Amino acid sequence: MLSLDQLQVGQQATVTAIRGEPATMQRIVEMGLLEGEIVEVLAVAPLGDPIEVLCGANRISLRRKEAAAIQVSLGPSGRT
């Protein structure tokens, strides 16, 4: 299973699970990254941290460690 930090710029994926510490999971959910949401990686900082993703109409910056806690399936439908 892939995690969000493993995607390349321009790739889309569907969030399938959020793992990690409860405080981290709560923060991610509060930002709108829920299971079933489609996300797209927009940019990665030159040193690899943070990662900017598009979720709905929101641009969200995540630390690489936070992105690693988000399990995804490739493609907007989870099948590509």
PDB file of N, CA and C in Angstrom:
ATOM      1  N   MET A   1       0.848  -1.179   0.000  1.00  0.00           N
ATOM      2  CA  MET A   1       0.000   0.000   0.000  1.00  0.00           C
ATOM      3  C   MET A   1       0.893   1.241   0.000  1.00  0.00           C
ATOM      4  N   LEU A   2       0.514   2.220  -0.767  1.00  0.00           N
ATOM      5  CA  LEU A   2       1.270   3.468  -0.873  1.00  0.00           C
ATOM      6  C   LEU A   2       0.868   4.451   0.217  1.00  0.00           C
ATOM      7  N   SER A   3       1.792   5.328   0.543  1.00  0.00           N
ATOM      8  CA  SER A   3       1.460   6.442   1.422  1.00  0.00           C
ATOM      9  C   SER A   3       1.612   7.735   0.615  1.00  0.00           C
ATOM     10  N   LEU A   4       0.986   8.786   1.081  1.00  0.00           N
ATOM     11  CA  LEU A   4       0.946  10.050   0.351  1.00  0.00           C
ATOM     12  C   LEU A   4       2.342  10.606   0.085  1.00  0.00           C
ATOM     13  N   ASP A   5       3.281  10.383   0.970  1.00  0.00           N
ATOM     14  CA  ASP A   5       4.638  10.907   0.770  1.00  0.00           C
ATOM     15  C   ASP A   5       5.384  10.215  -0.369  1.00  0.00           C
ATOM     16  N   GLN A   6       4.883   9.097  -0.874  1.00  0.00           N
ATOM     17  CA  GLN A   6       5.540   8.358  -1.951  1.00  0.00           C
ATOM     18  C   GLN A   6       5.083   8.802  -3.340  1.00  0.00           C
ATOM     19  N   LEU A   7       4.067   9.658  -3.420  1.00  0.00           N
ATOM     20  CA  LEU A   7       3.568  10.111  -4.715  1.00  0.00           C
ATOM     21  C   LEU A   7       4.458  11.183  -5.306  1.00  0.00           C
ATOM     22  N   GLN A   8       4.450  11.264  -6.628  1.00  0.00           N
ATOM     23  CA  GLN A   8       5.195  12.283  -7.360  1.00  0.00           C
ATOM     24  C   GLN A   8       4.282  13.476  -7.627  1.00  0.00           C
ATOM     25  N   VAL A   9       4.887  14.614  -7.926  1.00  0.00           N
ATOM     26  CA  VAL A   9       4.122  15.811  -8.270  1.00  0.00           C
ATOM     27  C   VAL A   9       3.225  15.504  -9.464  1.00  0.00           C
ATOM     28  N   GLY A  10       1.961  15.868  -9.358  1.00  0.00           N
ATOM     29  CA  GLY A  10       0.990  15.646 -10.427  1.00  0.00           C
ATOM     30  C   GLY A  10       0.164  14.379 -10.274  1.00  0.00           C
ATOM     31  N   GLN A  11       0.583  13.470  -9.421  1.00  0.00           N
ATOM     32  CA  GLN A  11      -0.177  12.233  -9.237  1.00  0.00           C
ATOM     33  C   GLN A  11      -1.398  12.472  -8.350  1.00  0.00           C
ATOM     34  N   GLN A  12      -2.479  11.793  -8.689  1.00  0.00           N
ATOM     35  CA  GLN A  12      -3.699  11.825  -7.897  1.00  0.00           C
ATOM     36  C   GLN A  12      -3.887  10.478  -7.224  1.00  0.00           C
ATOM     37  N   ALA A  13      -4.534  10.515  -6.077  1.00  0.00           N
ATOM     38  CA  ALA A  13      -4.799   9.285  -5.338  1.00  0.00           C
ATOM     39  C   ALA A  13      -6.022   9.487  -4.464  1.00  0.00           C
ATOM     40  N   THR A  14      -6.576   8.376  -4.001  1.00  0.00           N
ATOM     41  CA  THR A  14      -7.703   8.391  -3.091  1.00  0.00           C
ATOM     42  C   THR A  14      -7.220   7.970  -1.710  1.00  0.00           C
ATOM     43  N   VAL A  15      -7.574   8.742  -0.694  1.00  0.00           N
ATOM     44  CA  VAL A  15      -7.185   8.420   0.677  1.00  0.00           C
ATOM     45  C   VAL A  15      -7.947   7.165   1.106  1.00  0.00           C
ATOM     46  N   THR A  16      -7.210   6.152   1.573  1.00  0.00           N
ATOM     47  CA  THR A  16      -7.851   4.907   1.995  1.00  0.00           C
ATOM     48  C   THR A  16      -7.800   4.711   3.504  1.00  0.00           C
ATOM     49  N   ALA A  17      -6.804   5.299   4.172  1.00  0.00           N
ATOM     50  CA  ALA A  17      -6.692   5.167   5.628  1.00  0.00           C
ATOM     51  C   ALA A  17      -5.737   6.225   6.163  1.00  0.00           C
ATOM     52  N   ILE A  18      -5.940   6.572   7.424  1.00  0.00           N
ATOM     53  CA  ILE A  18      -5.045   7.497   8.114  1.00  0.00           C
ATOM     54  C   ILE A  18      -4.551   6.785   9.359  1.00  0.00           C
ATOM     55  N   ARG A  19      -3.250   6.683   9.480  1.00  0.00           N
ATOM     56  CA  ARG A  19      -2.630   5.961  10.595  1.00  0.00           C
ATOM     57  C   ARG A  19      -1.773   6.930  11.399  1.00  0.00           C
ATOM     58  N   GLY A  20      -1.346   6.493  12.564  1.00  0.00           N
ATOM     59  CA  GLY A  20      -0.417   7.295  13.334  1.00  0.00           C
ATOM     60  C   GLY A  20      -0.935   7.654  14.704  1.00  0.00           C
ATOM     61  N   GLU A  21      -0.263   8.602  15.317  1.00  0.00           N
ATOM     62  CA  GLU A  21      -0.640   9.052  16.644  1.00  0.00           C
ATOM     63  C   GLU A  21      -1.985   9.763  16.589  1.00  0.00           C
ATOM     64  N   PRO A  22      -2.791   9.643  17.651  1.00  0.00           N
ATOM     65  CA  PRO A  22      -4.117  10.268  17.661  1.00  0.00           C
ATOM     66  C   PRO A  22      -4.097  11.773  17.379  1.00  0.00           C
ATOM     67  N   ALA A  23      -3.133  12.494  17.932  1.00  0.00           N
ATOM     68  CA  ALA A  23      -3.071  13.940  17.705  1.00  0.00           C
ATOM     69  C   ALA A  23      -2.800  14.255  16.240  1.00  0.00           C
ATOM     70  N   THR A  24      -1.914  13.476  15.610  1.00  0.00           N
ATOM     71  CA  THR A  24      -1.608  13.672  14.193  1.00  0.00           C
ATOM     72  C   THR A  24      -2.818  13.335  13.343  1.00  0.00           C
ATOM     73  N   MET A  25      -3.475  12.230  13.648  1.00  0.00           N
ATOM     74  CA  MET A  25      -4.666  11.820  12.893  1.00  0.00           C
ATOM     75  C   MET A  25      -5.750  12.887  12.996  1.00  0.00           C
ATOM     76  N   GLN A  26      -5.964  13.433  14.184  1.00  0.00           N
ATOM     77  CA  GLN A  26      -6.997  14.450  14.381  1.00  0.00           C
ATOM     78  C   GLN A  26      -6.678  15.697  13.556  1.00  0.00           C
ATOM     79  N   ARG A  27      -5.415  16.111  13.558  1.00  0.00           N
ATOM     80  CA  ARG A  27      -5.014  17.302  12.800  1.00  0.00           C
ATOM     81  C   ARG A  27      -5.257  17.095  11.308  1.00  0.00           C
ATOM     82  N   ILE A  28      -4.914  15.918  10.808  1.00  0.00           N
ATOM     83  CA  ILE A  28      -5.098  15.615   9.388  1.00  0.00           C
ATOM     84  C   ILE A  28      -6.580  15.641   9.022  1.00  0.00           C
ATOM     85  N   VAL A  29      -7.406  15.038   9.845  1.00  0.00           N
ATOM     86  CA  VAL A  29      -8.851  15.010   9.583  1.00  0.00           C
ATOM     87  C   VAL A  29      -9.434  16.418   9.645  1.00  0.00           C
ATOM     88  N   GLU A  30      -8.984  17.231  10.590  1.00  0.00           N
ATOM     89  CA  GLU A  30      -9.477  18.602  10.709  1.00  0.00           C
ATOM     90  C   GLU A  30      -9.134  19.443   9.481  1.00  0.00           C
ATOM     91  N   MET A  31      -8.071  19.085   8.782  1.00  0.00           N
ATOM     92  CA  MET A  31      -7.691  19.799   7.558  1.00  0.00           C
ATOM     93  C   MET A  31      -8.546  19.359   6.367  1.00  0.00           C
ATOM     94  N   GLY A  32      -9.338  18.316   6.531  1.00  0.00           N
ATOM     95  CA  GLY A  32     -10.218  17.868   5.463  1.00  0.00           C
ATOM     96  C   GLY A  32      -9.748  16.641   4.718  1.00  0.00           C
ATOM     97  N   LEU A  33      -8.657  16.052   5.138  1.00  0.00           N
ATOM     98  CA  LEU A  33      -8.168  14.831   4.494  1.00  0.00           C
ATOM     99  C   LEU A  33      -8.857  13.633   5.141  1.00  0.00           C
ATOM    100  N   LEU A  34      -9.947  13.213   4.541  1.00  0.00           N
ATOM    101  CA  LEU A  34     -10.755  12.112   5.061  1.00  0.00           C
ATOM    102  C   LEU A  34     -10.638  10.916   4.136  1.00  0.00           C
ATOM    103  N   GLU A  35     -10.955   9.743   4.653  1.00  0.00           N
ATOM    104  CA  GLU A  35     -10.974   8.548   3.804  1.00  0.00           C
ATOM    105  C   GLU A  35     -11.965   8.761   2.669  1.00  0.00           C
ATOM    106  N   GLY A  36     -11.555   8.399   1.468  1.00  0.00           N
ATOM    107  CA  GLY A  36     -12.394   8.558   0.287  1.00  0.00           C
ATOM    108  C   GLY A  36     -12.144   9.853  -0.470  1.00  0.00           C
ATOM    109  N   GLU A  37     -11.429  10.799   0.118  1.00  0.00           N
ATOM    110  CA  GLU A  37     -11.120  12.069  -0.553  1.00  0.00           C
ATOM    111  C   GLU A  37     -10.062  11.848  -1.627  1.00  0.00           C
ATOM    112  N   ILE A  38     -10.175  12.600  -2.705  1.00  0.00           N
ATOM    113  CA  ILE A  38      -9.178  12.571  -3.771  1.00  0.00           C
ATOM    114  C   ILE A  38      -8.167  13.671  -3.494  1.00  0.00           C
ATOM    115  N   VAL A  39      -6.891  13.314  -3.547  1.00  0.00           N
ATOM    116  CA  VAL A  39      -5.820  14.284  -3.323  1.00  0.00           C
ATOM    117  C   VAL A  39      -4.883  14.279  -4.524  1.00  0.00           C
ATOM    118  N   GLU A  40      -4.245  15.415  -4.754  1.00  0.00           N
ATOM    119  CA  GLU A  40      -3.244  15.531  -5.823  1.00  0.00           C
ATOM    120  C   GLU A  40      -2.022  16.219  -5.241  1.00  0.00           C
ATOM    121  N   VAL A  41      -0.856  15.687  -5.517  1.00  0.00           N
ATOM    122  CA  VAL A  41       0.378  16.304  -5.058  1.00  0.00           C
ATOM    123  C   VAL A  41       0.687  17.465  -6.001  1.00  0.00           C
ATOM    124  N   LEU A  42       0.744  18.683  -5.442  1.00  0.00           N
ATOM    125  CA  LEU A  42       1.008  19.875  -6.236  1.00  0.00           C
ATOM    126  C   LEU A  42       2.480  20.238  -6.276  1.00  0.00           C
ATOM    127  N   ALA A  43       3.161  20.091  -5.147  1.00  0.00           N
ATOM    128  CA  ALA A  43       4.570  20.490  -5.084  1.00  0.00           C
ATOM    129  C   ALA A  43       5.249  19.824  -3.902  1.00  0.00           C
ATOM    130  N   VAL A  44       6.554  19.694  -4.029  1.00  0.00           N
ATOM    131  CA  VAL A  44       7.387  19.209  -2.933  1.00  0.00           C
ATOM    132  C   VAL A  44       8.519  20.225  -2.783  1.00  0.00           C
ATOM    133  N   ALA A  45       8.761  20.665  -1.567  1.00  0.00           N
ATOM    134  CA  ALA A  45       9.824  21.634  -1.318  1.00  0.00           C
ATOM    135  C   ALA A  45      11.170  21.068  -1.780  1.00  0.00           C
ATOM    136  N   PRO A  46      12.124  21.934  -2.096  1.00  0.00           N
ATOM    137  CA  PRO A  46      13.422  21.468  -2.611  1.00  0.00           C
ATOM    138  C   PRO A  46      14.117  20.424  -1.740  1.00  0.00           C
ATOM    139  N   LEU A  47      13.982  20.513  -0.440  1.00  0.00           N
ATOM    140  CA  LEU A  47      14.611  19.525   0.436  1.00  0.00           C
ATOM    141  C   LEU A  47      13.664  18.378   0.796  1.00  0.00           C
ATOM    142  N   GLY A  48      12.483  18.336   0.143  1.00  0.00           N
ATOM    143  CA  GLY A  48      11.557  17.224   0.331  1.00  0.00           C
ATOM    144  C   GLY A  48      10.529  17.407   1.429  1.00  0.00           C
ATOM    145  N   ASP A  49      10.557  18.527   2.111  1.00  0.00           N
ATOM    146  CA  ASP A  49       9.622  18.754   3.214  1.00  0.00           C
ATOM    147  C   ASP A  49       9.330  20.240   3.302  1.00  0.00           C
ATOM    148  N   PRO A  50       8.102  20.711   3.211  1.00  0.00           N
ATOM    149  CA  PRO A  50       6.837  19.998   3.223  1.00  0.00           C
ATOM    150  C   PRO A  50       6.372  19.605   1.816  1.00  0.00           C
ATOM    151  N   ILE A  51       5.227  18.922   1.805  1.00  0.00           N
ATOM    152  CA  ILE A  51       4.566  18.503   0.576  1.00  0.00           C
ATOM    153  C   ILE A  51       3.260  19.276   0.484  1.00  0.00           C
ATOM    154  N   GLU A  52       2.984  19.860  -0.692  1.00  0.00           N
ATOM    155  CA  GLU A  52       1.729  20.587  -0.885  1.00  0.00           C
ATOM    156  C   GLU A  52       0.766  19.703  -1.670  1.00  0.00           C
ATOM    157  N   VAL A  53      -0.441  19.519  -1.132  1.00  0.00           N
ATOM    158  CA  VAL A  53      -1.441  18.690  -1.794  1.00  0.00           C
ATOM    159  C   VAL A  53      -2.728  19.483  -1.982  1.00  0.00           C
ATOM    160  N   LEU A  54      -3.480  19.094  -2.982  1.00  0.00           N
ATOM    161  CA  LEU A  54      -4.792  19.668  -3.242  1.00  0.00           C
ATOM    162  C   LEU A  54      -5.832  18.655  -2.804  1.00  0.00           C
ATOM    163  N   CYS A  55      -6.734  19.076  -1.940  1.00  0.00           N
ATOM    164  CA  CYS A  55      -7.819  18.224  -1.451  1.00  0.00           C
ATOM    165  C   CYS A  55      -9.093  19.038  -1.582  1.00  0.00           C
ATOM    166  N   GLY A  56      -9.939  18.680  -2.547  1.00  0.00           N
ATOM    167  CA  GLY A  56     -11.106  19.505  -2.834  1.00  0.00           C
ATOM    168  C   GLY A  56     -10.618  20.829  -3.396  1.00  0.00           C
ATOM    169  N   ALA A  57     -11.051  21.940  -2.797  1.00  0.00           N
ATOM    170  CA  ALA A  57     -10.604  23.267  -3.222  1.00  0.00           C
ATOM    171  C   ALA A  57      -9.504  23.804  -2.319  1.00  0.00           C
ATOM    172  N   ASN A  58      -8.995  22.972  -1.411  1.00  0.00           N
ATOM    173  CA  ASN A  58      -8.006  23.415  -0.430  1.00  0.00           C
ATOM    174  C   ASN A  58      -6.607  22.943  -0.771  1.00  0.00           C
ATOM    175  N   ARG A  59      -5.652  23.854  -0.619  1.00  0.00           N
ATOM    176  CA  ARG A  59      -4.234  23.513  -0.734  1.00  0.00           C
ATOM    177  C   ARG A  59      -3.715  23.321   0.678  1.00  0.00           C
ATOM    178  N   ILE A  60      -3.117  22.175   0.926  1.00  0.00           N
ATOM    179  CA  ILE A  60      -2.667  21.826   2.273  1.00  0.00           C
ATOM    180  C   ILE A  60      -1.191  21.466   2.220  1.00  0.00           C
ATOM    181  N   SER A  61      -0.430  22.008   3.158  1.00  0.00           N
ATOM    182  CA  SER A  61       0.984  21.644   3.288  1.00  0.00           C
ATOM    183  C   SER A  61       1.130  20.668   4.442  1.00  0.00           C
ATOM    184  N   LEU A  62       1.797  19.567   4.172  1.00  0.00           N
ATOM    185  CA  LEU A  62       2.002  18.526   5.184  1.00  0.00           C
ATOM    186  C   LEU A  62       3.481  18.234   5.340  1.00  0.00           C
ATOM    187  N   ARG A  63       3.875  17.960   6.545  1.00  0.00           N
ATOM    188  CA  ARG A  63       5.231  17.455   6.764  1.00  0.00           C
ATOM    189  C   ARG A  63       5.305  16.058   6.149  1.00  0.00           C
ATOM    190  N   ARG A  64       6.482  15.686   5.730  1.00  0.00           N
ATOM    191  CA  ARG A  64       6.649  14.359   5.120  1.00  0.00           C
ATOM    192  C   ARG A  64       6.199  13.259   6.088  1.00  0.00           C
ATOM    193  N   LYS A  65       6.473  13.423   7.384  1.00  0.00           N
ATOM    194  CA  LYS A  65       6.061  12.437   8.383  1.00  0.00           C
ATOM    195  C   LYS A  65       4.534  12.323   8.445  1.00  0.00           C
ATOM    196  N   GLU A  66       3.829  13.454   8.330  1.00  0.00           N
ATOM    197  CA  GLU A  66       2.359  13.426   8.330  1.00  0.00           C
ATOM    198  C   GLU A  66       1.840  12.753   7.066  1.00  0.00           C
ATOM    199  N   ALA A  67       2.454  13.070   5.928  1.00  0.00           N
ATOM    200  CA  ALA A  67       2.032  12.467   4.662  1.00  0.00           C
ATOM    201  C   ALA A  67       2.265  10.959   4.662  1.00  0.00           C
ATOM    202  N   ALA A  68       3.299  10.504   5.364  1.00  0.00           N
ATOM    203  CA  ALA A  68       3.582   9.077   5.443  1.00  0.00           C
ATOM    204  C   ALA A  68       2.511   8.323   6.220  1.00  0.00           C
ATOM    205  N   ALA A  69       1.738   9.034   7.043  1.00  0.00           N
ATOM    206  CA  ALA A  69       0.684   8.404   7.834  1.00  0.00           C
ATOM    207  C   ALA A  69      -0.622   8.259   7.059  1.00  0.00           C
ATOM    208  N   ILE A  70      -0.658   8.790   5.832  1.00  0.00           N
ATOM    209  CA  ILE A  70      -1.882   8.755   5.018  1.00  0.00           C
ATOM    210  C   ILE A  70      -1.716   7.708   3.926  1.00  0.00           C
ATOM    211  N   GLN A  71      -2.491   6.635   4.006  1.00  0.00           N
ATOM    212  CA  GLN A  71      -2.469   5.559   3.010  1.00  0.00           C
ATOM    213  C   GLN A  71      -3.360   5.960   1.830  1.00  0.00           C
ATOM    214  N   VAL A  72      -2.891   5.687   0.612  1.00  0.00           N
ATOM    215  CA  VAL A  72      -3.630   6.066  -0.581  1.00  0.00           C
ATOM    216  C   VAL A  72      -3.642   4.941  -1.611  1.00  0.00           C
ATOM    217  N   SER A  73      -4.603   5.032  -2.531  1.00  0.00           N
ATOM    218  CA  SER A  73      -4.653   4.187  -3.722  1.00  0.00           C
ATOM    219  C   SER A  73      -4.495   5.112  -4.918  1.00  0.00           C
ATOM    220  N   LEU A  74      -3.669   4.720  -5.882  1.00  0.00           N
ATOM    221  CA  LEU A  74      -3.421   5.597  -7.030  1.00  0.00           C
ATOM    222  C   LEU A  74      -4.666   5.845  -7.847  1.00  0.00           C
ATOM    223  N   GLY A  75      -4.713   7.011  -8.442  1.00  0.00           N
ATOM    224  CA  GLY A  75      -5.815   7.407  -9.311  1.00  0.00           C
ATOM    225  C   GLY A  75      -6.985   7.928  -8.516  1.00  0.00           C
ATOM    226  N   PRO A  76      -7.776   8.801  -9.143  1.00  0.00           N
ATOM    227  CA  PRO A  76      -8.917   9.377  -8.431  1.00  0.00           C
ATOM    228  C   PRO A  76      -9.960   8.361  -8.014  1.00  0.00           C
ATOM    229  N   SER A  77     -10.037   7.240  -8.721  1.00  0.00           N
ATOM    230  CA  SER A  77     -11.027   6.235  -8.352  1.00  0.00           C
ATOM    231  C   SER A  77     -10.408   5.135  -7.497  1.00  0.00           C
ATOM    232  N   GLY A  78      -9.091   5.212  -7.304  1.00  0.00           N
ATOM    233  CA  GLY A  78      -8.398   4.178  -6.540  1.00  0.00           C
ATOM    234  C   GLY A  78      -8.050   2.958  -7.373  1.00  0.00           C
ATOM    235  N   ARG A  79      -8.251   3.016  -8.694  1.00  0.00           N
ATOM    236  CA  ARG A  79      -8.027   1.847  -9.546  1.00  0.00           C
ATOM    237  C   ARG A  79      -6.882   2.014 -10.527  1.00  0.00           C
ATOM    238  N   THR A  80      -6.329   3.207 -10.695  1.00  0.00           N
ATOM    239  CA  THR A  80      -5.317   3.426 -11.721  1.00  0.00           C
ATOM    240  C   THR A  80      -3.933   3.139 -11.227  1.00  0.00           C
TER     241      THR A  80
END
